[in-house]
C-alpha cells in the first residue's frame, strides 16, 4: 500500500476512496476510524487524521459526534465523476492528441479501442495452418 514519493495521508484518503468506489464501503456506512487506520498502516494517527480530514473537506465523509466518520450520501457518484474527469485528462486527451499527429480521427481511435478490448478468438486445431 505504501508508495514512495506520495504523501501517506493522500494514500490513506485514496484507499478509503477506493473502498467507496468499489462498493465495499457504502453510503452511510461507518468509515474506518483514525486509530484503526493508524494501527493497520503503522503510521502516526495525525497522518491518518489528515487523510480523513481531506475526505471530510471534499464532502466524501462526515462526522457523527461521538460515533465516528461516515460515508456521505452521493459520495460514490462524486468520486466516480472526479475519476472519470481525471481519466479523460490523463489518458483520453493525450491519446487523441497523438492520434491527430499520426492522422487518426476519433472513429479510428474508437475502432482501435474496440479491437483491443475484444478478446481474441481461441484457435482450434482446424484453425491452425501448417506450412
N, C-alpha and C. Protein backbone atom coordinates (compact mmCIF):
# COMPACT_ATOMS: atom_id res chain seq x y z
N UNK A 1 0.82 -1.19 0.00
CA UNK A 1 0.00 0.00 0.00
C UNK A 1 0.86 1.24 0.00
N UNK A 2 1.93 1.29 0.75
CA UNK A 2 2.74 2.49 0.87
C UNK A 2 3.56 2.69 -0.41
N UNK A 3 3.40 3.87 -1.02
CA UNK A 3 4.11 4.22 -2.24
C UNK A 3 5.15 5.28 -1.92
N UNK A 4 6.32 5.12 -2.46
CA UNK A 4 7.35 6.14 -2.30
C UNK A 4 6.95 7.38 -3.10
N UNK A 5 7.24 8.54 -2.55
CA UNK A 5 7.02 9.78 -3.29
C UNK A 5 5.62 10.35 -3.20
N UNK A 6 4.70 9.64 -2.59
CA UNK A 6 3.34 10.15 -2.43
C UNK A 6 3.07 10.28 -0.94
N UNK A 7 2.58 11.44 -0.49
CA UNK A 7 2.34 11.61 0.95
C UNK A 7 1.41 10.51 1.50
N UNK A 8 1.73 10.05 2.71
CA UNK A 8 0.95 8.98 3.34
C UNK A 8 -0.51 9.36 3.52
N UNK A 9 -0.77 10.60 3.91
CA UNK A 9 -2.16 11.00 4.15
C UNK A 9 -2.97 10.94 2.85
N UNK A 10 -2.33 11.23 1.72
CA UNK A 10 -3.02 11.14 0.42
C UNK A 10 -3.32 9.67 0.12
N UNK A 11 -2.36 8.80 0.41
CA UNK A 11 -2.57 7.37 0.17
C UNK A 11 -3.70 6.82 1.03
N UNK A 12 -3.79 7.29 2.28
CA UNK A 12 -4.88 6.86 3.16
C UNK A 12 -6.22 7.30 2.57
N UNK A 13 -6.28 8.55 2.15
CA UNK A 13 -7.52 9.07 1.56
C UNK A 13 -7.89 8.27 0.31
N UNK A 14 -6.90 7.96 -0.52
CA UNK A 14 -7.17 7.19 -1.74
C UNK A 14 -7.65 5.78 -1.43
N UNK A 15 -7.13 5.17 -0.37
CA UNK A 15 -7.58 3.82 0.00
C UNK A 15 -9.05 3.85 0.41
N UNK A 16 -9.43 4.85 1.18
CA UNK A 16 -10.83 4.98 1.60
C UNK A 16 -11.70 5.26 0.37
N UNK A 17 -11.23 6.14 -0.51
CA UNK A 17 -11.98 6.43 -1.74
C UNK A 17 -12.16 5.16 -2.57
N UNK A 18 -11.09 4.36 -2.71
CA UNK A 18 -11.18 3.11 -3.47
C UNK A 18 -12.26 2.19 -2.89
N UNK A 19 -12.34 2.14 -1.56
CA UNK A 19 -13.35 1.30 -0.91
C UNK A 19 -14.76 1.80 -1.20
N UNK A 20 -14.90 3.11 -1.32
CA UNK A 20 -16.22 3.67 -1.64
C UNK A 20 -16.56 3.39 -3.11
N UNK A 21 -15.60 3.60 -3.99
CA UNK A 21 -15.83 3.40 -5.42
C UNK A 21 -16.13 1.94 -5.73
N UNK A 22 -15.40 1.01 -5.10
CA UNK A 22 -15.63 -0.42 -5.41
C UNK A 22 -16.82 -1.00 -4.65
N UNK A 23 -17.46 -0.20 -3.81
CA UNK A 23 -18.68 -0.64 -3.13
C UNK A 23 -18.47 -1.37 -1.83
N UNK A 24 -17.23 -1.57 -1.41
CA UNK A 24 -17.01 -2.26 -0.13
C UNK A 24 -17.30 -1.35 1.06
N UNK A 25 -17.36 -0.04 0.82
CA UNK A 25 -17.75 0.92 1.85
C UNK A 25 -18.89 1.74 1.25
N UNK A 26 -20.12 1.44 1.67
CA UNK A 26 -21.30 2.06 1.06
C UNK A 26 -21.69 3.35 1.76
N UNK A 27 -22.52 4.13 1.09
CA UNK A 27 -23.00 5.38 1.65
C UNK A 27 -23.72 5.14 2.97
N UNK A 28 -23.46 6.01 3.91
CA UNK A 28 -23.99 5.97 5.28
C UNK A 28 -23.33 4.91 6.15
N UNK A 29 -22.36 4.16 5.60
CA UNK A 29 -21.62 3.18 6.41
C UNK A 29 -20.54 3.91 7.20
N UNK A 30 -20.18 3.33 8.33
CA UNK A 30 -19.13 3.93 9.14
C UNK A 30 -17.78 3.65 8.49
N UNK A 31 -16.99 4.70 8.36
CA UNK A 31 -15.65 4.58 7.79
C UNK A 31 -14.69 4.11 8.87
N UNK A 32 -13.54 3.55 8.47
CA UNK A 32 -12.55 3.15 9.47
C UNK A 32 -12.14 4.36 10.31
N UNK A 33 -11.91 4.12 11.58
CA UNK A 33 -11.51 5.21 12.46
C UNK A 33 -10.04 5.58 12.22
N UNK A 34 -9.68 6.74 12.69
CA UNK A 34 -8.29 7.19 12.59
C UNK A 34 -7.37 6.21 13.31
N UNK A 35 -7.79 5.74 14.46
CA UNK A 35 -6.99 4.78 15.22
C UNK A 35 -6.83 3.48 14.44
N UNK A 36 -7.91 2.98 13.85
CA UNK A 36 -7.84 1.75 13.05
C UNK A 36 -6.87 1.91 11.87
N UNK A 37 -6.97 3.03 11.19
CA UNK A 37 -6.10 3.28 10.04
C UNK A 37 -4.64 3.40 10.47
N UNK A 38 -4.41 4.13 11.55
CA UNK A 38 -3.04 4.31 12.05
C UNK A 38 -2.44 2.98 12.47
N UNK A 39 -3.22 2.15 13.13
CA UNK A 39 -2.73 0.84 13.58
C UNK A 39 -2.49 -0.08 12.40
N UNK A 40 -3.43 -0.14 11.47
CA UNK A 40 -3.32 -1.03 10.33
C UNK A 40 -2.11 -0.70 9.46
N UNK A 41 -1.91 0.59 9.17
CA UNK A 41 -0.82 1.01 8.29
C UNK A 41 0.46 1.36 9.05
N UNK A 42 0.38 1.26 10.38
CA UNK A 42 1.54 1.56 11.23
C UNK A 42 2.08 2.96 10.97
N UNK A 43 1.17 3.92 11.05
CA UNK A 43 1.52 5.32 10.84
C UNK A 43 1.05 6.14 12.02
N UNK A 44 1.50 7.36 12.07
CA UNK A 44 1.11 8.29 13.12
C UNK A 44 -0.39 8.61 12.97
N UNK A 45 -1.14 8.61 14.06
CA UNK A 45 -2.57 8.95 13.97
C UNK A 45 -2.82 10.33 13.35
N UNK A 46 -1.91 11.26 13.55
CA UNK A 46 -2.08 12.59 12.95
C UNK A 46 -2.05 12.51 11.42
N UNK A 47 -1.26 11.60 10.88
CA UNK A 47 -1.19 11.40 9.43
C UNK A 47 -2.50 10.81 8.93
N UNK A 48 -3.01 9.82 9.64
CA UNK A 48 -4.29 9.22 9.27
C UNK A 48 -5.40 10.27 9.35
N UNK A 49 -5.36 11.09 10.39
CA UNK A 49 -6.37 12.14 10.57
C UNK A 49 -6.33 13.14 9.41
N UNK A 50 -5.14 13.44 8.93
CA UNK A 50 -5.02 14.38 7.82
C UNK A 50 -5.69 13.81 6.56
N UNK A 51 -5.52 12.52 6.32
CA UNK A 51 -6.18 11.87 5.17
C UNK A 51 -7.69 11.87 5.31
N UNK A 52 -8.15 11.55 6.50
CA UNK A 52 -9.61 11.54 6.75
C UNK A 52 -10.18 12.95 6.62
N UNK A 53 -9.48 13.93 7.17
CA UNK A 53 -9.95 15.32 7.09
C UNK A 53 -9.98 15.82 5.66
N UNK A 54 -9.08 15.31 4.83
CA UNK A 54 -9.09 15.65 3.41
C UNK A 54 -10.42 15.20 2.78
N UNK A 55 -10.87 14.00 3.17
CA UNK A 55 -12.13 13.47 2.64
C UNK A 55 -13.34 14.21 3.21
N UNK A 56 -13.24 14.66 4.44
CA UNK A 56 -14.31 15.47 5.02
C UNK A 56 -14.42 16.78 4.25
N UNK A 57 -13.27 17.37 3.93
CA UNK A 57 -13.24 18.62 3.18
C UNK A 57 -13.84 18.49 1.78
N UNK A 58 -13.71 17.31 1.18
CA UNK A 58 -14.28 17.06 -0.15
C UNK A 58 -15.76 16.71 -0.07
N UNK A 59 -16.27 16.48 1.13
CA UNK A 59 -17.67 16.09 1.28
C UNK A 59 -17.91 14.60 1.11
N UNK A 60 -16.85 13.80 1.15
CA UNK A 60 -16.96 12.36 0.98
C UNK A 60 -17.33 11.69 2.31
N UNK A 61 -16.78 12.19 3.39
CA UNK A 61 -17.09 11.68 4.74
C UNK A 61 -17.69 12.80 5.57
N UNK A 62 -18.45 12.42 6.57
CA UNK A 62 -18.95 13.38 7.55
C UNK A 62 -18.87 12.75 8.94
N UNK A 63 -18.83 13.62 9.94
CA UNK A 63 -18.67 13.15 11.31
C UNK A 63 -20.00 13.15 12.06
N UNK A 64 -20.25 12.05 12.75
CA UNK A 64 -21.38 11.99 13.69
C UNK A 64 -20.74 12.09 15.07
N UNK A 65 -21.03 13.15 15.73
CA UNK A 65 -20.40 13.46 17.01
C UNK A 65 -20.51 12.28 17.98
N UNK A 66 -19.37 11.87 18.49
CA UNK A 66 -19.33 10.80 19.46
C UNK A 66 -19.44 9.40 18.89
N UNK A 67 -19.64 9.29 17.59
CA UNK A 67 -19.81 7.98 16.97
C UNK A 67 -18.67 7.67 16.00
N UNK A 68 -18.35 8.62 15.11
CA UNK A 68 -17.28 8.41 14.15
C UNK A 68 -17.57 9.05 12.81
N UNK A 69 -16.79 8.64 11.83
CA UNK A 69 -16.92 9.15 10.46
C UNK A 69 -17.77 8.20 9.63
N UNK A 70 -18.57 8.78 8.75
CA UNK A 70 -19.47 8.02 7.90
C UNK A 70 -19.37 8.50 6.46
N UNK A 71 -19.70 7.61 5.55
CA UNK A 71 -19.68 7.93 4.12
C UNK A 71 -20.90 8.78 3.80
N UNK A 72 -20.65 9.93 3.22
CA UNK A 72 -21.73 10.86 2.90
C UNK A 72 -22.56 10.36 1.72
N UNK A 73 -23.85 10.67 1.74
CA UNK A 73 -24.69 10.33 0.59
C UNK A 73 -24.16 11.01 -0.67
N UNK A 74 -24.16 10.29 -1.77
CA UNK A 74 -23.68 10.84 -3.04
C UNK A 74 -22.17 10.76 -3.22
N UNK A 75 -21.47 10.21 -2.23
CA UNK A 75 -20.01 10.15 -2.30
C UNK A 75 -19.50 9.32 -3.47
N UNK A 76 -20.12 8.19 -3.69
CA UNK A 76 -19.65 7.31 -4.77
C UNK A 76 -19.81 8.01 -6.12
N UNK A 77 -20.95 8.65 -6.34
CA UNK A 77 -21.16 9.37 -7.60
C UNK A 77 -20.16 10.52 -7.75
N UNK A 78 -19.89 11.23 -6.67
CA UNK A 78 -18.92 12.32 -6.68
C UNK A 78 -17.54 11.80 -7.06
N UNK A 79 -17.12 10.70 -6.42
CA UNK A 79 -15.80 10.14 -6.69
C UNK A 79 -15.70 9.58 -8.11
N UNK A 80 -16.77 8.93 -8.58
CA UNK A 80 -16.76 8.42 -9.96
C UNK A 80 -16.64 9.56 -10.97
N UNK A 81 -17.37 10.64 -10.76
CA UNK A 81 -17.29 11.79 -11.67
C UNK A 81 -15.89 12.39 -11.65
N UNK A 82 -15.32 12.49 -10.48
CA UNK A 82 -13.96 13.02 -10.32
C UNK A 82 -12.95 12.13 -11.06
N UNK A 83 -13.09 10.83 -10.89
CA UNK A 83 -12.15 9.90 -11.53
C UNK A 83 -12.34 9.85 -13.04
N UNK A 84 -13.56 9.96 -13.51
CA UNK A 84 -13.79 9.97 -14.96
C UNK A 84 -13.16 11.21 -15.59
N UNK A 85 -13.30 12.34 -14.93
CA UNK A 85 -12.71 13.57 -15.42
C UNK A 85 -11.17 13.45 -15.44
N UNK A 86 -10.60 12.90 -14.37
CA UNK A 86 -9.15 12.70 -14.31
C UNK A 86 -8.70 11.72 -15.39
N UNK A 87 -9.48 10.68 -15.64
CA UNK A 87 -9.16 9.71 -16.69
C UNK A 87 -9.09 10.39 -18.05
N UNK A 88 -10.06 11.24 -18.32
CA UNK A 88 -10.08 11.95 -19.60
C UNK A 88 -8.84 12.84 -19.74
N UNK A 89 -8.50 13.56 -18.67
CA UNK A 89 -7.32 14.44 -18.71
C UNK A 89 -6.02 13.66 -18.87
N UNK A 90 -5.88 12.58 -18.12
CA UNK A 90 -4.62 11.83 -18.11
C UNK A 90 -4.43 10.91 -19.31
N UNK A 91 -5.51 10.34 -19.82
CA UNK A 91 -5.38 9.30 -20.84
C UNK A 91 -6.04 9.65 -22.17
N UNK A 92 -7.29 10.08 -22.14
CA UNK A 92 -8.02 10.27 -23.39
C UNK A 92 -7.49 11.47 -24.16
N UNK A 93 -7.31 12.60 -23.52
CA UNK A 93 -6.84 13.78 -24.23
C UNK A 93 -5.45 13.57 -24.85
N UNK A 94 -4.48 13.01 -24.11
CA UNK A 94 -3.18 12.73 -24.75
C UNK A 94 -3.30 11.70 -25.89
N UNK A 95 -4.17 10.71 -25.72
CA UNK A 95 -4.38 9.71 -26.76
C UNK A 95 -4.89 10.37 -28.04
N UNK A 96 -5.89 11.23 -27.91
CA UNK A 96 -6.44 11.91 -29.08
C UNK A 96 -5.44 12.87 -29.72
N UNK A 97 -4.62 13.52 -28.89
CA UNK A 97 -3.59 14.42 -29.43
C UNK A 97 -2.59 13.63 -30.27
N UNK A 98 -2.16 12.48 -29.77
CA UNK A 98 -1.22 11.64 -30.53
C UNK A 98 -1.88 11.09 -31.78
N UNK A 99 -3.15 10.71 -31.67
CA UNK A 99 -3.87 10.18 -32.83
C UNK A 99 -3.93 11.23 -33.94
N UNK A 100 -4.21 12.48 -33.58
CA UNK A 100 -4.26 13.56 -34.59
C UNK A 100 -2.91 13.71 -35.28
N UNK A 101 -1.83 13.59 -34.50
CA UNK A 101 -0.48 13.73 -35.07
C UNK A 101 -0.20 12.67 -36.14
N UNK A 102 -0.77 11.49 -35.96
CA UNK A 102 -0.48 10.42 -36.92
C UNK A 102 -1.64 10.18 -37.90
N UNK A 103 -2.57 11.13 -37.93
CA UNK A 103 -3.61 11.09 -38.94
C UNK A 103 -4.82 10.23 -38.61
N UNK A 104 -5.03 9.92 -37.35
CA UNK A 104 -6.20 9.13 -36.96
C UNK A 104 -7.28 10.05 -36.41
N UNK A 105 -8.51 9.78 -36.80
CA UNK A 105 -9.63 10.53 -36.27
C UNK A 105 -10.27 9.81 -35.09
N UNK A 106 -11.24 10.44 -34.45
CA UNK A 106 -11.91 9.83 -33.30
C UNK A 106 -12.51 8.46 -33.60
N UNK A 107 -13.08 8.29 -34.80
CA UNK A 107 -13.66 6.99 -35.15
C UNK A 107 -12.58 5.93 -35.28
N UNK A 108 -11.42 6.32 -35.83
CA UNK A 108 -10.30 5.38 -35.93
C UNK A 108 -9.84 4.93 -34.54
N UNK A 109 -9.74 5.89 -33.63
CA UNK A 109 -9.32 5.58 -32.26
C UNK A 109 -10.34 4.67 -31.60
N UNK A 110 -11.62 4.98 -31.79
CA UNK A 110 -12.68 4.14 -31.20
C UNK A 110 -12.59 2.72 -31.73
N UNK A 111 -12.32 2.57 -33.03
CA UNK A 111 -12.18 1.23 -33.61
C UNK A 111 -10.99 0.50 -33.00
N UNK A 112 -9.88 1.20 -32.82
CA UNK A 112 -8.69 0.58 -32.21
C UNK A 112 -8.98 0.15 -30.77
N UNK A 113 -9.69 0.97 -30.03
CA UNK A 113 -10.03 0.64 -28.64
C UNK A 113 -10.95 -0.58 -28.61
N UNK A 114 -11.97 -0.59 -29.47
CA UNK A 114 -12.88 -1.74 -29.53
C UNK A 114 -12.12 -3.02 -29.88
N UNK A 115 -11.22 -2.93 -30.85
CA UNK A 115 -10.44 -4.10 -31.25
C UNK A 115 -9.55 -4.59 -30.11
N UNK A 116 -8.96 -3.68 -29.40
CA UNK A 116 -8.08 -4.06 -28.28
C UNK A 116 -8.88 -4.65 -27.12
N UNK A 117 -10.13 -4.22 -26.98
CA UNK A 117 -10.96 -4.69 -25.87
C UNK A 117 -11.62 -6.02 -26.17
N UNK A 118 -11.67 -6.41 -27.43
CA UNK A 118 -12.30 -7.66 -27.82
C UNK A 118 -11.29 -8.79 -27.67
N UNK A 119 -11.62 -9.77 -26.84
CA UNK A 119 -10.67 -10.88 -26.69
C UNK A 119 -10.52 -11.65 -28.00
N UNK A 120 -9.31 -12.06 -28.27
CA UNK A 120 -9.05 -12.83 -29.49
C UNK A 120 -9.76 -14.17 -29.39
N UNK A 121 -10.32 -14.59 -30.49
CA UNK A 121 -11.00 -15.90 -30.51
C UNK A 121 -9.95 -16.99 -30.39
N UNK A 122 -10.20 -17.97 -29.54
CA UNK A 122 -9.22 -19.05 -29.40
C UNK A 122 -9.15 -19.85 -30.70
N UNK A 123 -7.95 -20.25 -31.03
CA UNK A 123 -7.78 -21.03 -32.25
C UNK A 123 -7.86 -22.50 -31.93
N UNK A 124 -8.69 -23.21 -32.65
CA UNK A 124 -8.79 -24.65 -32.51
C UNK A 124 -7.82 -25.32 -33.47
N UNK A 125 -7.73 -26.61 -33.39
CA UNK A 125 -6.80 -27.34 -34.28
C UNK A 125 -7.09 -27.11 -35.75
N UNK A 126 -8.36 -26.94 -36.14
CA UNK A 126 -8.70 -26.75 -37.54
C UNK A 126 -8.38 -25.33 -38.01
N UNK A 127 -8.19 -24.39 -37.08
CA UNK A 127 -7.89 -23.01 -37.44
C UNK A 127 -6.42 -22.82 -37.75
N UNK A 128 -5.59 -23.72 -37.32
CA UNK A 128 -4.15 -23.57 -37.50
C UNK A 128 -3.76 -24.07 -38.89
N UNK A 129 -2.91 -23.32 -39.50
CA UNK A 129 -2.43 -23.71 -40.84
C UNK A 129 -0.98 -24.20 -40.70
N UNK A 130 -0.67 -25.22 -41.37
CA UNK A 130 0.69 -25.71 -41.35
C UNK A 130 1.33 -25.40 -42.68
N UNK A 131 2.62 -25.10 -42.65
CA UNK A 131 3.32 -24.74 -43.88
C UNK A 131 4.05 -25.92 -44.45
